[in-house]
Amino acid sequence: MSKILYLPASMEDFFLEVDALSRFTGRFFKTFLKPPFEFSEIIKQCFMIGYKSLGLVTVTGFIMGLVLTIQSRPTLARFGAEAWLPGMVAVSLIREIGPVITALICAGKVGSGIGAELASMKVTEQIDAMEVSGTNPFKYLVVTRVLAAMFMIPILVIFADGIGLCGSFIGVNIMDQVGLRLYFSKAIESLDFVDVFPAFIKTFFFGFAIGIISCYKGYTTTKGTEGVGLAANSAVVLCSLCIFIIDMIAVQLASFFMN
């Protein structure tokens, strides 16, 4: 008798889910380099993921920068260090807060959308119809969405960081009068390579996690119309959890290699 039968049901389900997701990920890597390449669908999904999320990312980034500046100012004022405020906000946004919060926003919007879309196609047998017609549904539906997420999440993070710095500039000028050039020169000169490069690299892994998990949840749903809602919900939860795990690993690796 298999040893897994002795595990609790929740533990058994966890390992089965990890195994299924690993197989799904392996299938992605085996498939995405094989022609034909669905360039038009990739561009379409980049538009759906990137442009459609731009408004939400803009508002979130602006609020992040504004609130972080307003909340940090009193603490720095106690030590007479208000001049450090642009640099502190820039490092905080670009190194950690901007990538993680933007990825979480995209996990909620993009992950739920992809999960629900593929799950509805699964339960209405549209994916089966694509297989019968000779189309490779995995390449057309999964590979294109995962690649689009990997391309667009880093761009959205960079955009959110820039908007966040603009929000911080407004927050600084609520109490003081600081010129735009002076503020951004102070912010940029406080940034080092170890602040920017690791934060940028991990956004590709955020995008991959959001794309592959949401596609997996939607593509493999099995509970009929009820599974559409379950796929969307579980995709958001699992994507958010993986973002925190990837961020923790990235921080540890950056500290190990850069120090």
C-alpha atoms as a PDB file:
ATOM      1  CA  MET A   1       0.000   0.000   0.000  1.00  0.00           C
ATOM      2  CA  SER A   2       1.317   3.450  -0.908  1.00  0.00           C
ATOM      3  CA  LYS A   3       2.692   5.519   1.953  1.00  0.00           C
ATOM      4  CA  ILE A   4       0.663   8.526   0.879  1.00  0.00           C
ATOM      5  CA  LEU A   5      -2.483   6.752   2.064  1.00  0.00           C
ATOM      6  CA  TYR A   6      -1.278   7.145   5.633  1.00  0.00           C
ATOM      7  CA  LEU A   7      -1.078  10.932   5.342  1.00  0.00           C
ATOM      8  CA  PRO A   8      -3.945  13.150   6.486  1.00  0.00           C
ATOM      9  CA  ALA A   9      -6.369  14.036   3.715  1.00  0.00           C
ATOM     10  CA  SER A  10      -5.302  17.685   3.663  1.00  0.00           C
ATOM     11  CA  MET A  11      -1.613  16.748   3.475  1.00  0.00           C
ATOM     12  CA  GLU A  12      -2.286  14.211   0.748  1.00  0.00           C
ATOM     13  CA  ASP A  13      -4.263  16.770  -1.251  1.00  0.00           C
ATOM     14  CA  PHE A  14      -1.422  19.267  -0.861  1.00  0.00           C
ATOM     15  CA  PHE A  15       1.207  16.918  -2.283  1.00  0.00           C
ATOM     16  CA  LEU A  16      -1.107  15.826  -5.103  1.00  0.00           C
ATOM     17  CA  GLU A  17      -1.705  19.484  -5.972  1.00  0.00           C
ATOM     18  CA  VAL A  18       2.027  20.207  -5.965  1.00  0.00           C
ATOM     19  CA  ASP A  19       2.643  17.194  -8.203  1.00  0.00           C
ATOM     20  CA  ALA A  20      -0.083  18.231 -10.642  1.00  0.00           C
ATOM     21  CA  LEU A  21       1.166  21.819 -10.789  1.00  0.00           C
ATOM     22  CA  SER A  22       4.735  20.597 -11.344  1.00  0.00           C
ATOM     23  CA  ARG A  23       3.604  18.411 -14.238  1.00  0.00           C
ATOM     24  CA  PHE A  24       1.633  21.329 -15.674  1.00  0.00           C
ATOM     25  CA  THR A  25       4.716  23.563 -15.429  1.00  0.00           C
ATOM     26  CA  GLY A  26       6.880  20.901 -17.060  1.00  0.00           C
ATOM     27  CA  ARG A  27       4.379  20.673 -19.903  1.00  0.00           C
ATOM     28  CA  PHE A  28       4.640  24.436 -20.363  1.00  0.00           C
ATOM     29  CA  PHE A  29       8.430  24.303 -20.755  1.00  0.00           C
ATOM     30  CA  LYS A  30       8.140  21.409 -23.215  1.00  0.00           C
ATOM     31  CA  THR A  31       5.545  23.251 -25.287  1.00  0.00           C
ATOM     32  CA  PHE A  32       6.445  26.942 -25.493  1.00  0.00           C
ATOM     33  CA  LEU A  33       9.589  26.501 -27.635  1.00  0.00           C
ATOM     34  CA  LYS A  34       7.866  24.299 -30.219  1.00  0.00           C
ATOM     35  CA  PRO A  35       6.358  25.954 -33.307  1.00  0.00           C
ATOM     36  CA  PRO A  36       3.919  27.270 -34.284  1.00  0.00           C
ATOM     37  CA  PHE A  37       4.219  30.401 -32.174  1.00  0.00           C
ATOM     38  CA  GLU A  38       1.020  32.283 -31.455  1.00  0.00           C
ATOM     39  CA  PHE A  39       2.456  35.802 -31.690  1.00  0.00           C
ATOM     40  CA  SER A  40      -0.865  37.499 -32.337  1.00  0.00           C
ATOM     41  CA  GLU A  41      -2.429  35.865 -29.294  1.00  0.00           C
ATOM     42  CA  ILE A  42       0.578  36.794 -27.147  1.00  0.00           C
ATOM     43  CA  ILE A  43       0.205  40.447 -28.189  1.00  0.00           C
ATOM     44  CA  LYS A  44      -3.510  40.298 -27.472  1.00  0.00           C
ATOM     45  CA  GLN A  45      -2.898  38.869 -24.012  1.00  0.00           C
ATOM     46  CA  CYS A  46      -0.205  41.498 -23.348  1.00  0.00           C
ATOM     47  CA  PHE A  47      -2.837  44.125 -24.084  1.00  0.00           C
ATOM     48  CA  MET A  48      -5.382  42.410 -21.839  1.00  0.00           C
ATOM     49  CA  ILE A  49      -2.932  41.977 -18.973  1.00  0.00           C
ATOM     50  CA  GLY A  50      -0.959  45.200 -19.331  1.00  0.00           C
ATOM     51  CA  TYR A  51      -3.197  47.935 -20.659  1.00  0.00           C
ATOM     52  CA  LYS A  52      -6.327  46.724 -18.899  1.00  0.00           C
ATOM     53  CA  SER A  53      -4.471  46.773 -15.556  1.00  0.00           C
ATOM     54  CA  LEU A  54      -2.869  50.170 -16.106  1.00  0.00           C
ATOM     55  CA  GLY A  55      -5.546  52.238 -14.350  1.00  0.00           C
ATOM     56  CA  LEU A  56      -5.573  50.108 -11.228  1.00  0.00           C
ATOM     57  CA  VAL A  57      -1.768  50.012 -11.083  1.00  0.00           C
ATOM     58  CA  THR A  58      -1.602  53.791 -11.536  1.00  0.00           C
ATOM     59  CA  VAL A  59      -3.941  54.498  -8.621  1.00  0.00           C
ATOM     60  CA  THR A  60      -2.210  51.925  -6.415  1.00  0.00           C
ATOM     61  CA  GLY A  61       1.283  53.210  -7.185  1.00  0.00           C
ATOM     62  CA  PHE A  62       0.341  56.830  -6.554  1.00  0.00           C
ATOM     63  CA  ILE A  63      -1.282  56.004  -3.212  1.00  0.00           C
ATOM     64  CA  MET A  64       1.705  53.870  -2.174  1.00  0.00           C
ATOM     65  CA  GLY A  65       4.143  56.724  -2.714  1.00  0.00           C
ATOM     66  CA  LEU A  66       1.911  59.367  -1.140  1.00  0.00           C
ATOM     67  CA  VAL A  67       1.022  57.362   1.971  1.00  0.00           C
ATOM     68  CA  LEU A  68       4.560  56.088   2.526  1.00  0.00           C
ATOM     69  CA  THR A  69       5.880  59.656   2.405  1.00  0.00           C
ATOM     70  CA  ILE A  70       3.250  61.084   4.742  1.00  0.00           C
ATOM     71  CA  GLN A  71       3.631  58.251   7.251  1.00  0.00           C
ATOM     72  CA  SER A  72       7.445  58.311   7.246  1.00  0.00           C
ATOM     73  CA  ARG A  73       7.905  62.047   7.536  1.00  0.00           C
ATOM     74  CA  PRO A  74       7.094  62.426  11.308  1.00  0.00           C
ATOM     75  CA  THR A  75       9.573  59.688  12.241  1.00  0.00           C
ATOM     76  CA  LEU A  76      12.387  61.228  10.207  1.00  0.00           C
ATOM     77  CA  ALA A  77      11.515  64.697  11.536  1.00  0.00           C
ATOM     78  CA  ARG A  78      12.294  63.553  15.096  1.00  0.00           C
ATOM     79  CA  PHE A  79      15.924  63.064  14.073  1.00  0.00           C
ATOM     80  CA  GLY A  80      16.096  66.062  11.768  1.00  0.00           C
ATOM     81  CA  ALA A  81      16.446  63.765   8.760  1.00  0.00           C
ATOM     82  CA  GLU A  82      13.702  65.080   6.469  1.00  0.00           C
ATOM     83  CA  ALA A  83      16.295  65.399   3.704  1.00  0.00           C
ATOM     84  CA  TRP A  84      16.545  61.600   3.618  1.00  0.00           C
ATOM     85  CA  LEU A  85      12.864  61.221   2.809  1.00  0.00           C
ATOM     86  CA  PRO A  86      13.169  61.043  -1.037  1.00  0.00           C
ATOM     87  CA  GLY A  87      15.938  58.437  -0.823  1.00  0.00           C
ATOM     88  CA  MET A  88      14.157  56.346   1.793  1.00  0.00           C
ATOM     89  CA  VAL A  89      10.926  56.293  -0.193  1.00  0.00           C
ATOM     90  CA  ALA A  90      12.759  55.479  -3.444  1.00  0.00           C
ATOM     91  CA  VAL A  91      14.620  52.536  -1.915  1.00  0.00           C
ATOM     92  CA  SER A  92      11.487  51.228  -0.177  1.00  0.00           C
ATOM     93  CA  LEU A  93       9.330  51.477  -3.298  1.00  0.00           C
ATOM     94  CA  ILE A  94      11.739  50.114  -5.860  1.00  0.00           C
ATOM     95  CA  ARG A  95      13.354  47.436  -3.736  1.00  0.00           C
ATOM     96  CA  GLU A  96      10.315  45.876  -2.070  1.00  0.00           C
ATOM     97  CA  ILE A  97       6.962  47.636  -1.784  1.00  0.00           C
ATOM     98  CA  GLY A  98       6.444  48.464  -5.460  1.00  0.00           C
ATOM     99  CA  PRO A  99       7.124  44.992  -6.920  1.00  0.00           C
ATOM    100  CA  VAL A 100       5.230  43.062  -4.237  1.00  0.00           C
ATOM    101  CA  ILE A 101       2.121  45.267  -4.052  1.00  0.00           C
ATOM    102  CA  THR A 102       1.880  45.571  -7.833  1.00  0.00           C
ATOM    103  CA  ALA A 103       2.245  41.800  -8.217  1.00  0.00           C
ATOM    104  CA  LEU A 104      -0.485  41.238  -5.619  1.00  0.00           C
ATOM    105  CA  ILE A 105      -2.786  43.652  -7.444  1.00  0.00           C
ATOM    106  CA  CYS A 106      -2.133  41.793 -10.695  1.00  0.00           C
ATOM    107  CA  ALA A 107      -2.664  38.449  -8.950  1.00  0.00           C
ATOM    108  CA  GLY A 108      -6.123  39.616  -7.940  1.00  0.00           C
ATOM    109  CA  LYS A 109      -7.102  41.093 -11.299  1.00  0.00           C
ATOM    110  CA  VAL A 110      -5.175  39.033 -13.834  1.00  0.00           C
ATOM    111  CA  GLY A 111      -5.124  35.747 -11.907  1.00  0.00           C
ATOM    112  CA  SER A 112      -8.851  35.704 -11.274  1.00  0.00           C
ATOM    113  CA  GLY A 113      -9.591  36.731 -14.856  1.00  0.00           C
ATOM    114  CA  ILE A 114      -7.442  34.022 -16.441  1.00  0.00           C
ATOM    115  CA  GLY A 115      -8.646  31.372 -14.001  1.00  0.00           C
ATOM    116  CA  ALA A 116     -12.311  32.156 -14.601  1.00  0.00           C
ATOM    117  CA  GLU A 117     -11.879  32.453 -18.374  1.00  0.00           C
ATOM    118  CA  LEU A 118     -10.133  29.111 -18.839  1.00  0.00           C
ATOM    119  CA  ALA A 119     -12.416  27.389 -16.338  1.00  0.00           C
ATOM    120  CA  SER A 120     -15.515  28.565 -18.230  1.00  0.00           C
ATOM    121  CA  MET A 121     -13.973  27.314 -21.478  1.00  0.00           C
ATOM    122  CA  LYS A 122     -13.252  23.991 -19.801  1.00  0.00           C
ATOM    123  CA  VAL A 123     -16.753  23.426 -18.421  1.00  0.00           C
ATOM    124  CA  THR A 124     -18.401  24.477 -21.693  1.00  0.00           C
ATOM    125  CA  GLU A 125     -16.126  22.014 -23.570  1.00  0.00           C
ATOM    126  CA  GLN A 126     -14.557  24.717 -25.733  1.00  0.00           C
ATOM    127  CA  ILE A 127     -11.103  23.326 -24.959  1.00  0.00           C
ATOM    128  CA  ASP A 128     -12.219  19.862 -26.087  1.00  0.00           C
ATOM    129  CA  ALA A 129     -13.591  21.394 -29.282  1.00  0.00           C
ATOM    130  CA  MET A 130     -10.208  23.024 -29.969  1.00  0.00           C
ATOM    131  CA  GLU A 131      -8.486  19.647 -29.618  1.00  0.00           C
ATOM    132  CA  VAL A 132     -10.959  18.027 -32.018  1.00  0.00           C
ATOM    133  CA  SER A 133     -10.404  20.799 -34.584  1.00  0.00           C
ATOM    134  CA  GLY A 134      -6.646  20.178 -34.563  1.00  0.00           C
ATOM    135  CA  THR A 135      -5.618  23.250 -32.524  1.00  0.00           C
ATOM    136  CA  ASN A 136      -3.270  22.820 -29.612  1.00  0.00           C
ATOM    137  CA  PRO A 137      -5.300  24.426 -26.796  1.00  0.00           C
ATOM    138  CA  PHE A 138      -2.426  24.287 -24.314  1.00  0.00           C
ATOM    139  CA  LYS A 139      -0.145  26.348 -26.547  1.00  0.00           C
ATOM    140  CA  TYR A 140      -2.897  28.744 -27.608  1.00  0.00           C
ATOM    141  CA  LEU A 141      -4.475  29.288 -24.180  1.00  0.00           C
ATOM    142  CA  VAL A 142      -1.790  28.588 -21.582  1.00  0.00           C
ATOM    143  CA  VAL A 143       1.583  29.380 -23.154  1.00  0.00           C
ATOM    144  CA  THR A 144       0.432  32.715 -24.549  1.00  0.00           C
ATOM    145  CA  ARG A 145      -1.015  33.878 -21.222  1.00  0.00           C
ATOM    146  CA  VAL A 146       1.999  32.821 -19.187  1.00  0.00           C
ATOM    147  CA  LEU A 147       4.426  34.566 -21.542  1.00  0.00           C
ATOM    148  CA  ALA A 148       2.250  37.693 -21.606  1.00  0.00           C
ATOM    149  CA  ALA A 149       2.208  37.781 -17.804  1.00  0.00           C
ATOM    150  CA  MET A 150       6.006  37.400 -17.700  1.00  0.00           C
ATOM    151  CA  PHE A 151       6.421  40.289 -20.143  1.00  0.00           C
ATOM    152  CA  MET A 152       3.869  42.695 -18.691  1.00  0.00           C
ATOM    153  CA  ILE A 153       4.241  42.348 -14.904  1.00  0.00           C
ATOM    154  CA  PRO A 154       7.799  43.815 -14.941  1.00  0.00           C
ATOM    155  CA  ILE A 155       6.595  46.712 -17.103  1.00  0.00           C
ATOM    156  CA  LEU A 156       3.678  47.369 -14.769  1.00  0.00           C
ATOM    157  CA  VAL A 157       6.026  47.286 -11.772  1.00  0.00           C
ATOM    158  CA  ILE A 158       8.368  49.848 -13.370  1.00  0.00           C
ATOM    159  CA  PHE A 159       5.387  52.053 -14.183  1.00  0.00           C
ATOM    160  CA  ALA A 160       4.036  51.719 -10.628  1.00  0.00           C
ATOM    161  CA  ASP A 161       7.454  52.649  -9.200  1.00  0.00           C
ATOM    162  CA  GLY A 162       7.538  55.808 -11.313  1.00  0.00           C
ATOM    163  CA  ILE A 163       4.006  56.785 -10.359  1.00  0.00           C
ATOM    164  CA  GLY A 164       4.827  56.029  -6.724  1.00  0.00           C
ATOM    165  CA  LEU A 165       7.754  58.453  -6.818  1.00  0.00           C
ATOM    166  CA  CYS A 166       5.454  61.100  -8.299  1.00  0.00           C
ATOM    167  CA  GLY A 167       3.011  60.506  -5.445  1.00  0.00           C
ATOM    168  CA  SER A 168       5.886  60.789  -2.991  1.00  0.00           C
ATOM    169  CA  PHE A 169       6.927  64.099  -4.565  1.00  0.00           C
ATOM    170  CA  ILE A 170       3.443  65.457  -3.951  1.00  0.00           C
ATOM    171  CA  GLY A 171       3.532  64.131  -0.395  1.00  0.00           C
ATOM    172  CA  VAL A 172       6.811  65.934   0.274  1.00  0.00           C
ATOM    173  CA  ASN A 173       5.424  69.185  -1.097  1.00  0.00           C
ATOM    174  CA  ILE A 174       2.411  69.086   1.196  1.00  0.00           C
ATOM    175  CA  MET A 175       4.633  70.367   4.024  1.00  0.00           C
ATOM    176  CA  ASP A 176       7.704  71.706   2.173  1.00  0.00           C
ATOM    177  CA  GLN A 177       8.577  73.258  -1.137  1.00  0.00           C
ATOM    178  CA  VAL A 178      10.927  70.915  -3.015  1.00  0.00           C
ATOM    179  CA  GLY A 179      11.668  71.233  -6.705  1.00  0.00           C
ATOM    180  CA  LEU A 180      11.010  68.334  -9.052  1.00  0.00           C
ATOM    181  CA  ARG A 181      14.613  68.083 -10.215  1.00  0.00           C
ATOM    182  CA  LEU A 182      15.971  68.232  -6.662  1.00  0.00           C
ATOM    183  CA  TYR A 183      13.562  65.584  -5.431  1.00  0.00           C
ATOM    184  CA  PHE A 184      14.297  63.066  -8.190  1.00  0.00           C
ATOM    185  CA  SER A 185      18.049  63.680  -8.012  1.00  0.00           C
ATOM    186  CA  LYS A 186      17.919  62.904  -4.276  1.00  0.00           C
ATOM    187  CA  ALA A 187      15.800  59.811  -4.927  1.00  0.00           C
ATOM    188  CA  ILE A 188      17.925  58.430  -7.760  1.00  0.00           C
ATOM    189  CA  GLU A 189      21.322  59.035  -6.152  1.00  0.00           C
ATOM    190  CA  SER A 190      20.234  56.954  -3.145  1.00  0.00           C
ATOM    191  CA  LEU A 191      19.658  53.887  -5.338  1.00  0.00           C
ATOM    192  CA  ASP A 192      22.341  51.290  -5.926  1.00  0.00           C
ATOM    193  CA  PHE A 193      22.609  48.365  -8.299  1.00  0.00           C
ATOM    194  CA  VAL A 194      21.616  45.954  -5.516  1.00  0.00           C
ATOM    195  CA  ASP A 195      18.400  47.923  -5.018  1.00  0.00           C
ATOM    196  CA  VAL A 196      17.267  47.913  -8.638  1.00  0.00           C
ATOM    197  CA  PHE A 197      18.528  44.755 -10.362  1.00  0.00           C
ATOM    198  CA  PRO A 198      17.281  42.033  -7.956  1.00  0.00           C
ATOM    199  CA  ALA A 199      13.934  43.812  -7.617  1.00  0.00           C
ATOM    200  CA  PHE A 200      13.560  43.882 -11.406  1.00  0.00           C
ATOM    201  CA  ILE A 201      14.579  40.242 -11.921  1.00  0.00           C
ATOM    202  CA  LYS A 202      12.106  38.885  -9.388  1.00  0.00           C
ATOM    203  CA  THR A 203       9.197  40.550 -11.209  1.00  0.00           C
ATOM    204  CA  PHE A 204       9.645  38.040 -14.056  1.00  0.00           C
ATOM    205  CA  PHE A 205       9.177  35.228 -11.551  1.00  0.00           C
ATOM    206  CA  PHE A 206       6.117  37.020 -10.156  1.00  0.00           C
ATOM    207  CA  GLY A 207       4.673  37.157 -13.665  1.00  0.00           C
ATOM    208  CA  PHE A 208       5.463  33.521 -14.332  1.00  0.00           C
ATOM    209  CA  ALA A 209       3.857  32.426 -11.054  1.00  0.00           C
ATOM    210  CA  ILE A 210       0.703  34.453 -11.726  1.00  0.00           C
ATOM    211  CA  GLY A 211       0.414  33.132 -15.264  1.00  0.00           C
ATOM    212  CA  ILE A 212       1.142  29.448 -14.651  1.00  0.00           C
ATOM    213  CA  ILE A 213      -0.953  29.114 -11.482  1.00  0.00           C
ATOM    214  CA  SER A 214      -4.014  30.904 -12.824  1.00  0.00           C
ATOM    215  CA  CYS A 215      -3.829  28.913 -16.085  1.00  0.00           C
ATOM    216  CA  TYR A 216      -3.418  25.663 -14.146  1.00  0.00           C
ATOM    217  CA  LYS A 217      -6.439  26.371 -11.954  1.00  0.00           C
ATOM    218  CA  GLY A 218      -8.621  27.248 -14.913  1.00  0.00           C
ATOM    219  CA  TYR A 219      -7.365  24.613 -17.343  1.00  0.00           C
ATOM    220  CA  THR A 220      -7.769  21.701 -14.919  1.00  0.00           C
ATOM    221  CA  THR A 221     -11.063  22.593 -13.237  1.00  0.00           C
ATOM    222  CA  THR A 222     -13.451  19.629 -12.921  1.00  0.00           C
ATOM    223  CA  LYS A 223     -16.517  20.758 -10.963  1.00  0.00           C
ATOM    224  CA  GLY A 224     -18.753  22.164 -13.662  1.00  0.00           C
ATOM    225  CA  THR A 225     -20.042  25.711 -13.352  1.00  0.00           C
ATOM    226  CA  GLU A 226     -19.182  25.700  -9.661  1.00  0.00           C
ATOM    227  CA  GLY A 227     -15.555  25.155 -10.644  1.00  0.00           C
ATOM    228  CA  VAL A 228     -15.398  28.531 -12.431  1.00  0.00           C
ATOM    229  CA  GLY A 229     -15.730  30.458  -9.184  1.00  0.00           C
ATOM    230  CA  LEU A 230     -13.488  28.022  -7.343  1.00  0.00           C
ATOM    231  CA  ALA A 231     -10.803  28.323 -10.008  1.00  0.00           C
ATOM    232  CA  ALA A 232     -10.820  32.124  -9.880  1.00  0.00           C
ATOM    233  CA  ASN A 233     -10.744  32.211  -6.082  1.00  0.00           C
ATOM    234  CA  SER A 234      -8.057  29.561  -5.626  1.00  0.00           C
ATOM    235  CA  ALA A 235      -5.924  31.150  -8.370  1.00  0.00           C
ATOM    236  CA  VAL A 236      -5.830  34.470  -6.505  1.00  0.00           C
ATOM    237  CA  VAL A 237      -5.043  32.854  -3.158  1.00  0.00           C
ATOM    238  CA  LEU A 238      -2.290  30.598  -4.491  1.00  0.00           C
ATOM    239  CA  CYS A 239      -0.757  33.339  -6.656  1.00  0.00           C
ATOM    240  CA  SER A 240      -0.592  35.684  -3.663  1.00  0.00           C
ATOM    241  CA  LEU A 241       1.033  33.001  -1.519  1.00  0.00           C
ATOM    242  CA  CYS A 242       3.613  32.212  -4.200  1.00  0.00           C
ATOM    243  CA  ILE A 243       4.452  35.900  -4.605  1.00  0.00           C
ATOM    244  CA  PHE A 244       5.397  36.114  -0.922  1.00  0.00           C
ATOM    245  CA  ILE A 245       7.420  32.897  -1.154  1.00  0.00           C
ATOM    246  CA  ILE A 246       9.278  34.071  -4.274  1.00  0.00           C
ATOM    247  CA  ASP A 247       9.944  37.434  -2.658  1.00  0.00           C
ATOM    248  CA  MET A 248      11.364  35.777   0.457  1.00  0.00           C
ATOM    249  CA  ILE A 249      13.673  33.577  -1.657  1.00  0.00           C
ATOM    250  CA  ALA A 250      14.727  36.547  -3.814  1.00  0.00           C
ATOM    251  CA  VAL A 251      15.613  38.646  -0.770  1.00  0.00           C
ATOM    252  CA  GLN A 252      17.728  35.840   0.688  1.00  0.00           C
ATOM    253  CA  LEU A 253      19.538  35.212  -2.614  1.00  0.00           C
ATOM    254  CA  ALA A 254      20.170  38.913  -3.156  1.00  0.00           C
ATOM    255  CA  SER A 255      21.594  39.249   0.349  1.00  0.00           C
ATOM    256  CA  PHE A 256      23.802  36.197  -0.164  1.00  0.00           C
ATOM    257  CA  PHE A 257      25.248  37.149  -3.571  1.00  0.00           C
ATOM    258  CA  MET A 258      25.438  40.922  -3.216  1.00  0.00           C
ATOM    259  CA  ASN A 259      27.033  41.129   0.226  1.00  0.00           C
END
